[in-house]
Structures are given as structure tokens and as C-alpha cells.
mmCIF file of all heavy atoms, coordinates in Angstrom:
data_MODEL
# 
_entry.id   MODEL 
# 
loop_
_atom_site.group_PDB 
_atom_site.id 
_atom_site.type_symbol 
_atom_site.label_atom_id 
_atom_site.label_alt_id 
_atom_site.label_comp_id 
_atom_site.label_asym_id 
_atom_site.label_entity_id 
_atom_site.label_seq_id 
_atom_site.pdbx_PDB_ins_code 
_atom_site.Cartn_x 
_atom_site.Cartn_y 
_atom_site.Cartn_z 
_atom_site.occupancy 
_atom_site.B_iso_or_equiv 
_atom_site.pdbx_formal_charge 
_atom_site.auth_seq_id 
_atom_site.auth_comp_id 
_atom_site.auth_asym_id 
_atom_site.auth_atom_id 
_atom_site.pdbx_PDB_model_num 
ATOM 1   N N   . LEU A 1 1  ? -1.084  -87.210  58.321 1.00 0.00 ? 1  LEU A N   1 
ATOM 2   C CA  . LEU A 1 1  ? -2.064  -88.194  58.795 1.00 0.00 ? 1  LEU A CA  1 
ATOM 3   C C   . LEU A 1 1  ? -1.916  -89.491  58.009 1.00 0.00 ? 1  LEU A C   1 
ATOM 4   O O   . LEU A 1 1  ? -1.765  -89.456  56.787 1.00 0.00 ? 1  LEU A O   1 
ATOM 5   C CB  . LEU A 1 1  ? -3.482  -87.663  58.611 1.00 0.00 ? 1  LEU A CB  1 
ATOM 6   C CG  . LEU A 1 1  ? -3.846  -86.420  59.404 1.00 0.00 ? 1  LEU A CG  1 
ATOM 7   C CD1 . LEU A 1 1  ? -5.236  -85.940  59.008 1.00 0.00 ? 1  LEU A CD1 1 
ATOM 8   C CD2 . LEU A 1 1  ? -3.771  -86.681  60.887 1.00 0.00 ? 1  LEU A CD2 1 
ATOM 9   N N   . TYR A 1 2  ? -1.955  -90.598  58.720 1.00 0.00 ? 2  TYR A N   1 
ATOM 10  C CA  . TYR A 1 2  ? -1.866  -91.912  58.095 1.00 0.00 ? 2  TYR A CA  1 
ATOM 11  C C   . TYR A 1 2  ? -3.068  -92.739  58.493 1.00 0.00 ? 2  TYR A C   1 
ATOM 12  O O   . TYR A 1 2  ? -3.473  -92.746  59.649 1.00 0.00 ? 2  TYR A O   1 
ATOM 13  C CB  . TYR A 1 2  ? -0.592  -92.649  58.541 1.00 0.00 ? 2  TYR A CB  1 
ATOM 14  C CG  . TYR A 1 2  ? 0.641   -92.109  57.894 1.00 0.00 ? 2  TYR A CG  1 
ATOM 15  C CD1 . TYR A 1 2  ? 1.303   -91.020  58.435 1.00 0.00 ? 2  TYR A CD1 1 
ATOM 16  C CD2 . TYR A 1 2  ? 1.144   -92.669  56.730 1.00 0.00 ? 2  TYR A CD2 1 
ATOM 17  C CE1 . TYR A 1 2  ? 2.432   -90.500  57.834 1.00 0.00 ? 2  TYR A CE1 1 
ATOM 18  C CE2 . TYR A 1 2  ? 2.276   -92.162  56.124 1.00 0.00 ? 2  TYR A CE2 1 
ATOM 19  C CZ  . TYR A 1 2  ? 2.913   -91.077  56.691 1.00 0.00 ? 2  TYR A CZ  1 
ATOM 20  O OH  . TYR A 1 2  ? 4.028   -90.567  56.088 1.00 0.00 ? 2  TYR A OH  1 
ATOM 21  N N   . THR A 1 3  ? -3.603  -93.472  57.518 1.00 0.00 ? 3  THR A N   1 
ATOM 22  C CA  . THR A 1 3  ? -4.681  -94.414  57.785 1.00 0.00 ? 3  THR A CA  1 
ATOM 23  C C   . THR A 1 3  ? -4.064  -95.792  58.013 1.00 0.00 ? 3  THR A C   1 
ATOM 24  O O   . THR A 1 3  ? -2.878  -96.013  57.715 1.00 0.00 ? 3  THR A O   1 
ATOM 25  C CB  . THR A 1 3  ? -5.664  -94.482  56.612 1.00 0.00 ? 3  THR A CB  1 
ATOM 26  O OG1 . THR A 1 3  ? -4.964  -94.972  55.464 1.00 0.00 ? 3  THR A OG1 1 
ATOM 27  C CG2 . THR A 1 3  ? -6.292  -93.120  56.323 1.00 0.00 ? 3  THR A CG2 1 
ATOM 28  N N   . LEU A 1 4  ? -4.844  -96.706  58.509 1.00 0.00 ? 4  LEU A N   1 
ATOM 29  C CA  . LEU A 1 4  ? -4.365  -98.056  58.748 1.00 0.00 ? 4  LEU A CA  1 
ATOM 30  C C   . LEU A 1 4  ? -3.858  -98.735  57.471 1.00 0.00 ? 4  LEU A C   1 
ATOM 31  O O   . LEU A 1 4  ? -2.764  -99.305  57.478 1.00 0.00 ? 4  LEU A O   1 
ATOM 32  C CB  . LEU A 1 4  ? -5.450  -98.877  59.445 1.00 0.00 ? 4  LEU A CB  1 
ATOM 33  C CG  . LEU A 1 4  ? -5.134  -100.309 59.809 1.00 0.00 ? 4  LEU A CG  1 
ATOM 34  C CD1 . LEU A 1 4  ? -3.821  -100.447 60.552 1.00 0.00 ? 4  LEU A CD1 1 
ATOM 35  C CD2 . LEU A 1 4  ? -6.263  -100.882 60.642 1.00 0.00 ? 4  LEU A CD2 1 
ATOM 36  N N   . PRO A 1 5  ? -4.591  -98.672  56.352 1.00 0.00 ? 5  PRO A N   1 
ATOM 37  C CA  . PRO A 1 5  ? -4.063  -99.295  55.133 1.00 0.00 ? 5  PRO A CA  1 
ATOM 38  C C   . PRO A 1 5  ? -2.719  -98.686  54.687 1.00 0.00 ? 5  PRO A C   1 
ATOM 39  O O   . PRO A 1 5  ? -1.837  -99.403  54.209 1.00 0.00 ? 5  PRO A O   1 
ATOM 40  C CB  . PRO A 1 5  ? -5.155  -99.043  54.085 1.00 0.00 ? 5  PRO A CB  1 
ATOM 41  C CG  . PRO A 1 5  ? -6.403  -98.916  54.892 1.00 0.00 ? 5  PRO A CG  1 
ATOM 42  C CD  . PRO A 1 5  ? -5.981  -98.224  56.160 1.00 0.00 ? 5  PRO A CD  1 
ATOM 43  N N   . GLN A 1 6  ? -2.561  -97.379  54.841 1.00 0.00 ? 6  GLN A N   1 
ATOM 44  C CA  . GLN A 1 6  ? -1.292  -96.749  54.492 1.00 0.00 ? 6  GLN A CA  1 
ATOM 45  C C   . GLN A 1 6  ? -0.160  -97.261  55.383 1.00 0.00 ? 6  GLN A C   1 
ATOM 46  O O   . GLN A 1 6  ? 0.939   -97.551  54.908 1.00 0.00 ? 6  GLN A O   1 
ATOM 47  C CB  . GLN A 1 6  ? -1.381  -95.229  54.616 1.00 0.00 ? 6  GLN A CB  1 
ATOM 48  C CG  . GLN A 1 6  ? -2.241  -94.571  53.580 1.00 0.00 ? 6  GLN A CG  1 
ATOM 49  C CD  . GLN A 1 6  ? -2.473  -93.096  53.883 1.00 0.00 ? 6  GLN A CD  1 
ATOM 50  O OE1 . GLN A 1 6  ? -2.636  -92.705  55.044 1.00 0.00 ? 6  GLN A OE1 1 
ATOM 51  N NE2 . GLN A 1 6  ? -2.495  -92.283  52.837 1.00 0.00 ? 6  GLN A NE2 1 
ATOM 52  N N   . ALA A 1 7  ? -0.427  -97.356  56.676 1.00 0.00 ? 7  ALA A N   1 
ATOM 53  C CA  . ALA A 1 7  ? 0.597   -97.824  57.614 1.00 0.00 ? 7  ALA A CA  1 
ATOM 54  C C   . ALA A 1 7  ? 0.965   -99.282  57.333 1.00 0.00 ? 7  ALA A C   1 
ATOM 55  O O   . ALA A 1 7  ? 2.147   -99.646  57.410 1.00 0.00 ? 7  ALA A O   1 
ATOM 56  C CB  . ALA A 1 7  ? 0.106   -97.668  59.048 1.00 0.00 ? 7  ALA A CB  1 
ATOM 57  N N   . LEU A 1 8  ? -0.017  -100.108 57.015 1.00 0.00 ? 8  LEU A N   1 
ATOM 58  C CA  . LEU A 1 8  ? 0.277   -101.499 56.681 1.00 0.00 ? 8  LEU A CA  1 
ATOM 59  C C   . LEU A 1 8  ? 1.143   -101.605 55.433 1.00 0.00 ? 8  LEU A C   1 
ATOM 60  O O   . LEU A 1 8  ? 2.042   -102.443 55.356 1.00 0.00 ? 8  LEU A O   1 
ATOM 61  C CB  . LEU A 1 8  ? -1.016  -102.292 56.487 1.00 0.00 ? 8  LEU A CB  1 
ATOM 62  C CG  . LEU A 1 8  ? -1.753  -102.684 57.756 1.00 0.00 ? 8  LEU A CG  1 
ATOM 63  C CD1 . LEU A 1 8  ? -3.125  -103.262 57.422 1.00 0.00 ? 8  LEU A CD1 1 
ATOM 64  C CD2 . LEU A 1 8  ? -0.938  -103.678 58.562 1.00 0.00 ? 8  LEU A CD2 1 
ATOM 65  N N   . ALA A 1 9  ? 0.883   -100.753 54.458 1.00 0.00 ? 9  ALA A N   1 
ATOM 66  C CA  . ALA A 1 9  ? 1.680   -100.769 53.222 1.00 0.00 ? 9  ALA A CA  1 
ATOM 67  C C   . ALA A 1 9  ? 3.137   -100.380 53.473 1.00 0.00 ? 9  ALA A C   1 
ATOM 68  O O   . ALA A 1 9  ? 4.035   -100.863 52.782 1.00 0.00 ? 9  ALA A O   1 
ATOM 69  C CB  . ALA A 1 9  ? 1.053   -99.837  52.187 1.00 0.00 ? 9  ALA A CB  1 
ATOM 70  N N   . LEU A 1 10 ? 3.369   -99.544  54.471 1.00 0.00 ? 10 LEU A N   1 
ATOM 71  C CA  . LEU A 1 10 ? 4.725   -99.089  54.789 1.00 0.00 ? 10 LEU A CA  1 
ATOM 72  C C   . LEU A 1 10 ? 5.448   -99.996  55.777 1.00 0.00 ? 10 LEU A C   1 
ATOM 73  O O   . LEU A 1 10 ? 6.671   -99.907  55.923 1.00 0.00 ? 10 LEU A O   1 
ATOM 74  C CB  . LEU A 1 10 ? 4.662   -97.674  55.380 1.00 0.00 ? 10 LEU A CB  1 
ATOM 75  C CG  . LEU A 1 10 ? 4.178   -96.571  54.452 1.00 0.00 ? 10 LEU A CG  1 
ATOM 76  C CD1 . LEU A 1 10 ? 3.907   -95.299  55.241 1.00 0.00 ? 10 LEU A CD1 1 
ATOM 77  C CD2 . LEU A 1 10 ? 5.209   -96.317  53.359 1.00 0.00 ? 10 LEU A CD2 1 
ATOM 78  N N   . ALA A 1 11 ? 4.706   -100.847 56.463 1.00 0.00 ? 11 ALA A N   1 
ATOM 79  C CA  . ALA A 1 11 ? 5.279   -101.675 57.529 1.00 0.00 ? 11 ALA A CA  1 
ATOM 80  C C   . ALA A 1 11 ? 6.190   -102.768 56.986 1.00 0.00 ? 11 ALA A C   1 
ATOM 81  O O   . ALA A 1 11 ? 6.081   -103.182 55.823 1.00 0.00 ? 11 ALA A O   1 
ATOM 82  C CB  . ALA A 1 11 ? 4.158   -102.297 58.351 1.00 0.00 ? 11 ALA A CB  1 
ATOM 83  N N   . ASP A 1 12 ? 7.061   -103.244 57.841 1.00 0.00 ? 12 ASP A N   1 
ATOM 84  C CA  . ASP A 1 12 ? 7.947   -104.357 57.525 1.00 0.00 ? 12 ASP A CA  1 
ATOM 85  C C   . ASP A 1 12 ? 7.096   -105.621 57.373 1.00 0.00 ? 12 ASP A C   1 
ATOM 86  O O   . ASP A 1 12 ? 6.389   -106.004 58.309 1.00 0.00 ? 12 ASP A O   1 
ATOM 87  C CB  . ASP A 1 12 ? 8.960   -104.512 58.662 1.00 0.00 ? 12 ASP A CB  1 
ATOM 88  C CG  . ASP A 1 12 ? 9.921   -105.660 58.458 1.00 0.00 ? 12 ASP A CG  1 
ATOM 89  O OD1 . ASP A 1 12 ? 9.886   -106.322 57.397 1.00 0.00 ? 12 ASP A OD1 1 
ATOM 90  O OD2 . ASP A 1 12 ? 10.731  -105.897 59.374 1.00 0.00 ? 12 ASP A OD2 1 
ATOM 91  N N   . PRO A 1 13 ? 7.144   -106.282 56.214 1.00 0.00 ? 13 PRO A N   1 
ATOM 92  C CA  . PRO A 1 13 ? 6.309   -107.474 56.001 1.00 0.00 ? 13 PRO A CA  1 
ATOM 93  C C   . PRO A 1 13 ? 6.537   -108.577 57.030 1.00 0.00 ? 13 PRO A C   1 
ATOM 94  O O   . PRO A 1 13 ? 5.593   -109.277 57.400 1.00 0.00 ? 13 PRO A O   1 
ATOM 95  C CB  . PRO A 1 13 ? 6.710   -107.945 54.600 1.00 0.00 ? 13 PRO A CB  1 
ATOM 96  C CG  . PRO A 1 13 ? 7.261   -106.731 53.932 1.00 0.00 ? 13 PRO A CG  1 
ATOM 97  C CD  . PRO A 1 13 ? 7.908   -105.919 55.016 1.00 0.00 ? 13 PRO A CD  1 
ATOM 98  N N   . SER A 1 14 ? 7.750   -108.725 57.516 1.00 0.00 ? 14 SER A N   1 
ATOM 99  C CA  . SER A 1 14 ? 7.998   -109.775 58.510 1.00 0.00 ? 14 SER A CA  1 
ATOM 100 C C   . SER A 1 14 ? 7.307   -109.454 59.835 1.00 0.00 ? 14 SER A C   1 
ATOM 101 O O   . SER A 1 14 ? 6.840   -110.353 60.537 1.00 0.00 ? 14 SER A O   1 
ATOM 102 C CB  . SER A 1 14 ? 9.497   -109.976 58.731 1.00 0.00 ? 14 SER A CB  1 
ATOM 103 O OG  . SER A 1 14 ? 10.093  -108.821 59.275 1.00 0.00 ? 14 SER A OG  1 
ATOM 104 N N   . GLU A 1 15 ? 7.202   -108.173 60.164 1.00 0.00 ? 15 GLU A N   1 
ATOM 105 C CA  . GLU A 1 15 ? 6.502   -107.779 61.386 1.00 0.00 ? 15 GLU A CA  1 
ATOM 106 C C   . GLU A 1 15 ? 5.004   -108.040 61.254 1.00 0.00 ? 15 GLU A C   1 
ATOM 107 O O   . GLU A 1 15 ? 4.359   -108.514 62.191 1.00 0.00 ? 15 GLU A O   1 
ATOM 108 C CB  . GLU A 1 15 ? 6.755   -106.309 61.703 1.00 0.00 ? 15 GLU A CB  1 
ATOM 109 C CG  . GLU A 1 15 ? 6.169   -105.880 63.012 1.00 0.00 ? 15 GLU A CG  1 
ATOM 110 C CD  . GLU A 1 15 ? 6.476   -104.442 63.369 1.00 0.00 ? 15 GLU A CD  1 
ATOM 111 O OE1 . GLU A 1 15 ? 7.264   -103.786 62.678 1.00 0.00 ? 15 GLU A OE1 1 
ATOM 112 O OE2 . GLU A 1 15 ? 5.897   -103.985 64.364 1.00 0.00 ? 15 GLU A OE2 1 
ATOM 113 N N   . ILE A 1 16 ? 4.455   -107.748 60.087 1.00 0.00 ? 16 ILE A N   1 
ATOM 114 C CA  . ILE A 1 16 ? 3.036   -108.013 59.842 1.00 0.00 ? 16 ILE A CA  1 
ATOM 115 C C   . ILE A 1 16 ? 2.773   -109.518 59.914 1.00 0.00 ? 16 ILE A C   1 
ATOM 116 O O   . ILE A 1 16 ? 1.801   -109.959 60.533 1.00 0.00 ? 16 ILE A O   1 
ATOM 117 C CB  . ILE A 1 16 ? 2.591   -107.444 58.475 1.00 0.00 ? 16 ILE A CB  1 
ATOM 118 C CG1 . ILE A 1 16 ? 2.780   -105.930 58.432 1.00 0.00 ? 16 ILE A CG1 1 
ATOM 119 C CG2 . ILE A 1 16 ? 1.135   -107.820 58.177 1.00 0.00 ? 16 ILE A CG2 1 
ATOM 120 C CD1 . ILE A 1 16 ? 2.020   -105.167 59.482 1.00 0.00 ? 16 ILE A CD1 1 
ATOM 121 N N   . ALA A 1 17 ? 3.650   -110.318 59.315 1.00 0.00 ? 17 ALA A N   1 
ATOM 122 C CA  . ALA A 1 17 ? 3.487   -111.771 59.346 1.00 0.00 ? 17 ALA A CA  1 
ATOM 123 C C   . ALA A 1 17 ? 3.537   -112.293 60.781 1.00 0.00 ? 17 ALA A C   1 
ATOM 124 O O   . ALA A 1 17 ? 2.762   -113.179 61.159 1.00 0.00 ? 17 ALA A O   1 
ATOM 125 C CB  . ALA A 1 17 ? 4.565   -112.437 58.500 1.00 0.00 ? 17 ALA A CB  1 
ATOM 126 N N   . GLU A 1 18 ? 4.425   -111.737 61.577 1.00 0.00 ? 18 GLU A N   1 
ATOM 127 C CA  . GLU A 1 18 ? 4.524   -112.145 62.984 1.00 0.00 ? 18 GLU A CA  1 
ATOM 128 C C   . GLU A 1 18 ? 3.241   -111.810 63.743 1.00 0.00 ? 18 GLU A C   1 
ATOM 129 O O   . GLU A 1 18 ? 2.744   -112.620 64.529 1.00 0.00 ? 18 GLU A O   1 
ATOM 130 C CB  . GLU A 1 18 ? 5.708   -111.438 63.634 1.00 0.00 ? 18 GLU A CB  1 
ATOM 131 C CG  . GLU A 1 18 ? 5.919   -111.787 65.083 1.00 0.00 ? 18 GLU A CG  1 
ATOM 132 C CD  . GLU A 1 18 ? 7.077   -111.027 65.688 1.00 0.00 ? 18 GLU A CD  1 
ATOM 133 O OE1 . GLU A 1 18 ? 8.052   -110.746 64.975 1.00 0.00 ? 18 GLU A OE1 1 
ATOM 134 O OE2 . GLU A 1 18 ? 6.983   -110.704 66.892 1.00 0.00 ? 18 GLU A OE2 1 
ATOM 135 N N   . ASN A 1 19 ? 2.702   -110.627 63.491 1.00 0.00 ? 19 ASN A N   1 
ATOM 136 C CA  . ASN A 1 19 ? 1.451   -110.222 64.144 1.00 0.00 ? 19 ASN A CA  1 
ATOM 137 C C   . ASN A 1 19 ? 0.292   -111.095 63.688 1.00 0.00 ? 19 ASN A C   1 
ATOM 138 O O   . ASN A 1 19 ? -0.572  -111.450 64.487 1.00 0.00 ? 19 ASN A O   1 
ATOM 139 C CB  . ASN A 1 19 ? 1.158   -108.754 63.871 1.00 0.00 ? 19 ASN A CB  1 
ATOM 140 C CG  . ASN A 1 19 ? 2.067   -107.833 64.631 1.00 0.00 ? 19 ASN A CG  1 
ATOM 141 O OD1 . ASN A 1 19 ? 1.788   -107.458 65.756 1.00 0.00 ? 19 ASN A OD1 1 
ATOM 142 N ND2 . ASN A 1 19 ? 3.199   -107.489 64.048 1.00 0.00 ? 19 ASN A ND2 1 
ATOM 143 N N   . ARG A 1 20 ? 0.260   -111.433 62.398 1.00 0.00 ? 20 ARG A N   1 
ATOM 144 C CA  . ARG A 1 20 ? -0.802  -112.305 61.869 1.00 0.00 ? 20 ARG A CA  1 
ATOM 145 C C   . ARG A 1 20 ? -0.766  -113.668 62.534 1.00 0.00 ? 20 ARG A C   1 
ATOM 146 O O   . ARG A 1 20 ? -1.806  -114.264 62.789 1.00 0.00 ? 20 ARG A O   1 
ATOM 147 C CB  . ARG A 1 20 ? -0.606  -112.496 60.365 1.00 0.00 ? 20 ARG A CB  1 
ATOM 148 C CG  . ARG A 1 20 ? -1.372  -111.566 59.548 1.00 0.00 ? 20 ARG A CG  1 
ATOM 149 C CD  . ARG A 1 20 ? -1.441  -112.043 58.106 1.00 0.00 ? 20 ARG A CD  1 
ATOM 150 N NE  . ARG A 1 20 ? -2.110  -111.017 57.382 1.00 0.00 ? 20 ARG A NE  1 
ATOM 151 C CZ  . ARG A 1 20 ? -1.524  -110.196 56.538 1.00 0.00 ? 20 ARG A CZ  1 
ATOM 152 N NH1 . ARG A 1 20 ? -0.252  -110.314 56.275 1.00 0.00 ? 20 ARG A NH1 1 
ATOM 153 N NH2 . ARG A 1 20 ? -2.217  -109.254 55.948 1.00 0.00 ? 20 ARG A NH2 1 
ATOM 154 N N   . SER A 1 21 ? 0.440   -114.162 62.798 1.00 0.00 ? 21 SER A N   1 
ATOM 155 C CA  . SER A 1 21 ? 0.576   -115.515 63.345 1.00 0.00 ? 21 SER A CA  1 
ATOM 156 C C   . SER A 1 21 ? 0.055   -115.613 64.783 1.00 0.00 ? 21 SER A C   1 
ATOM 157 O O   . SER A 1 21 ? -0.287  -116.702 65.233 1.00 0.00 ? 21 SER A O   1 
ATOM 158 C CB  . SER A 1 21 ? 2.038   -115.964 63.289 1.00 0.00 ? 21 SER A CB  1 
ATOM 159 O OG  . SER A 1 21 ? 2.826   -115.224 64.207 1.00 0.00 ? 21 SER A OG  1 
ATOM 160 N N   . ILE A 1 22 ? -0.027  -114.523 65.485 1.00 0.00 ? 22 ILE A N   1 
ATOM 161 C CA  . ILE A 1 22 ? -0.491  -114.553 66.874 1.00 0.00 ? 22 ILE A CA  1 
ATOM 162 C C   . ILE A 1 22 ? -1.959  -114.960 66.960 1.00 0.00 ? 22 ILE A C   1 
ATOM 163 O O   . ILE A 1 22 ? -2.337  -115.790 67.783 1.00 0.00 ? 22 ILE A O   1 
ATOM 164 C CB  . ILE A 1 22 ? -0.247  -113.187 67.553 1.00 0.00 ? 22 ILE A CB  1 
ATOM 165 C CG1 . ILE A 1 22 ? 1.262   -112.928 67.668 1.00 0.00 ? 22 ILE A CG1 1 
ATOM 166 C CG2 . ILE A 1 22 ? -0.921  -113.128 68.919 1.00 0.00 ? 22 ILE A CG2 1 
ATOM 167 C CD1 . ILE A 1 22 ? 1.623   -111.529 68.115 1.00 0.00 ? 22 ILE A CD1 1 
ATOM 168 N N   . PHE A 1 23 ? -2.801  -114.379 66.116 1.00 0.00 ? 23 PHE A N   1 
ATOM 169 C CA  . PHE A 1 23 ? -4.244  -114.668 66.154 1.00 0.00 ? 23 PHE A CA  1 
ATOM 170 C C   . PHE A 1 23 ? -4.736  -115.413 64.919 1.00 0.00 ? 23 PHE A C   1 
ATOM 171 O O   . PHE A 1 23 ? -5.899  -115.778 64.854 1.00 0.00 ? 23 PHE A O   1 
ATOM 172 C CB  . PHE A 1 23 ? -5.045  -113.373 66.309 1.00 0.00 ? 23 PHE A CB  1 
ATOM 173 C CG  . PHE A 1 23 ? -4.868  -112.722 67.640 1.00 0.00 ? 23 PHE A CG  1 
ATOM 174 C CD1 . PHE A 1 23 ? -4.103  -111.591 67.782 1.00 0.00 ? 23 PHE A CD1 1 
ATOM 175 C CD2 . PHE A 1 23 ? -5.472  -113.251 68.773 1.00 0.00 ? 23 PHE A CD2 1 
ATOM 176 C CE1 . PHE A 1 23 ? -3.936  -110.985 69.017 1.00 0.00 ? 23 PHE A CE1 1 
ATOM 177 C CE2 . PHE A 1 23 ? -5.312  -112.666 70.014 1.00 0.00 ? 23 PHE A CE2 1 
ATOM 178 C CZ  . PHE A 1 23 ? -4.545  -111.528 70.133 1.00 0.00 ? 23 PHE A CZ  1 
ATOM 179 N N   . GLY A 1 24 ? -3.888  -115.598 63.936 1.00 0.00 ? 24 GLY A N   1 
ATOM 180 C CA  . GLY A 1 24 ? -4.295  -116.223 62.678 1.00 0.00 ? 24 GLY A CA  1 
ATOM 181 C C   . GLY A 1 24 ? -4.668  -115.162 61.656 1.00 0.00 ? 24 GLY A C   1 
ATOM 182 O O   . GLY A 1 24 ? -5.115  -114.073 62.003 1.00 0.00 ? 24 GLY A O   1 
ATOM 183 N N   . SER A 1 25 ? -4.471  -115.495 60.404 1.00 0.00 ? 25 SER A N   1 
ATOM 184 C CA  . SER A 1 25 ? -4.699  -114.531 59.315 1.00 0.00 ? 25 SER A CA  1 
ATOM 185 C C   . SER A 1 25 ? -6.122  -114.008 59.260 1.00 0.00 ? 25 SER A C   1 
ATOM 186 O O   . SER A 1 25 ? -6.353  -112.821 59.033 1.00 0.00 ? 25 SER A O   1 
ATOM 187 C CB  . SER A 1 25 ? -4.338  -115.153 57.966 1.00 0.00 ? 25 SER A CB  1 
ATOM 188 O OG  . SER A 1 25 ? -2.961  -115.369 57.899 1.00 0.00 ? 25 SER A OG  1 
ATOM 189 N N   . ASP A 1 26 ? -7.096  -114.899 59.457 1.00 0.00 ? 26 ASP A N   1 
ATOM 190 C CA  . ASP A 1 26 ? -8.494  -114.475 59.351 1.00 0.00 ? 26 ASP A CA  1 
ATOM 191 C C   . ASP A 1 26 ? -8.873  -113.470 60.436 1.00 0.00 ? 26 ASP A C   1 
ATOM 192 O O   . ASP A 1 26 ? -9.467  -112.430 60.145 1.00 0.00 ? 26 ASP A O   1 
ATOM 193 C CB  . ASP A 1 26 ? -9.435  -115.675 59.414 1.00 0.00 ? 26 ASP A CB  1 
ATOM 194 C CG  . ASP A 1 26 ? -9.349  -116.543 58.180 1.00 0.00 ? 26 ASP A CG  1 
ATOM 195 O OD1 . ASP A 1 26 ? -8.859  -116.062 57.135 1.00 0.00 ? 26 ASP A OD1 1 
ATOM 196 O OD2 . ASP A 1 26 ? -9.767  -117.712 58.251 1.00 0.00 ? 26 ASP A OD2 1 
ATOM 197 N N   . LEU A 1 27 ? -8.534  -113.778 61.668 1.00 0.00 ? 27 LEU A N   1 
ATOM 198 C CA  . LEU A 1 27 ? -8.881  -112.895 62.783 1.00 0.00 ? 27 LEU A CA  1 
ATOM 199 C C   . LEU A 1 27 ? -8.118  -111.570 62.680 1.00 0.00 ? 27 LEU A C   1 
ATOM 200 O O   . LEU A 1 27 ? -8.678  -110.505 62.930 1.00 0.00 ? 27 LEU A O   1 
ATOM 201 C CB  . LEU A 1 27 ? -8.598  -113.586 64.113 1.00 0.00 ? 27 LEU A CB  1 
ATOM 202 C CG  . LEU A 1 27 ? -9.299  -113.016 65.334 1.00 0.00 ? 27 LEU A CG  1 
ATOM 203 C CD1 . LEU A 1 27 ? -10.801 -112.917 65.122 1.00 0.00 ? 27 LEU A CD1 1 
ATOM 204 C CD2 . LEU A 1 27 ? -9.006  -113.883 66.540 1.00 0.00 ? 27 LEU A CD2 1 
ATOM 205 N N   . PHE A 1 28 ? -6.861  -111.647 62.283 1.00 0.00 ? 28 PHE A N   1 
ATOM 206 C CA  . PHE A 1 28 ? -6.069  -110.431 62.093 1.00 0.00 ? 28 PHE A CA  1 
ATOM 207 C C   . PHE A 1 28 ? -6.716  -109.556 61.018 1.00 0.00 ? 28 PHE A C   1 
ATOM 208 O O   . PHE A 1 28 ? -6.884  -108.345 61.206 1.00 0.00 ? 28 PHE A O   1 
ATOM 209 C CB  . PHE A 1 28 ? -4.630  -110.783 61.709 1.00 0.00 ? 28 PHE A CB  1 
ATOM 210 C CG  . PHE A 1 28 ? -3.740  -109.596 61.529 1.00 0.00 ? 28 PHE A CG  1 
ATOM 211 C CD1 . PHE A 1 28 ? -3.131  -109.000 62.620 1.00 0.00 ? 28 PHE A CD1 1 
ATOM 212 C CD2 . PHE A 1 28 ? -3.498  -109.073 60.270 1.00 0.00 ? 28 PHE A CD2 1 
ATOM 213 C CE1 . PHE A 1 28 ? -2.291  -107.895 62.460 1.00 0.00 ? 28 PHE A CE1 1 
ATOM 214 C CE2 . PHE A 1 28 ? -2.671  -107.975 60.099 1.00 0.00 ? 28 PHE A CE2 1 
ATOM 215 C CZ  . PHE A 1 28 ? -2.073  -107.392 61.195 1.00 0.00 ? 28 PHE A CZ  1 
# 
């Protein structure tokens, strides 16, 4: 079982940055 914080820690940082850019850091 994985929680969201665990999955974010394992994710590719460039993918997270790309997702953040879609809605902005605050909304993300």
C-alpha cells in the first residue's frame, strides 16, 4: 500500500514539476 506522500517522494521530479505547472504550485 502506498499513500500519496509516499508516491510523490518516489515520483520523477520533472513529472511533478510538469503537473504543478498546469494549475500552479498553490492549487496543486
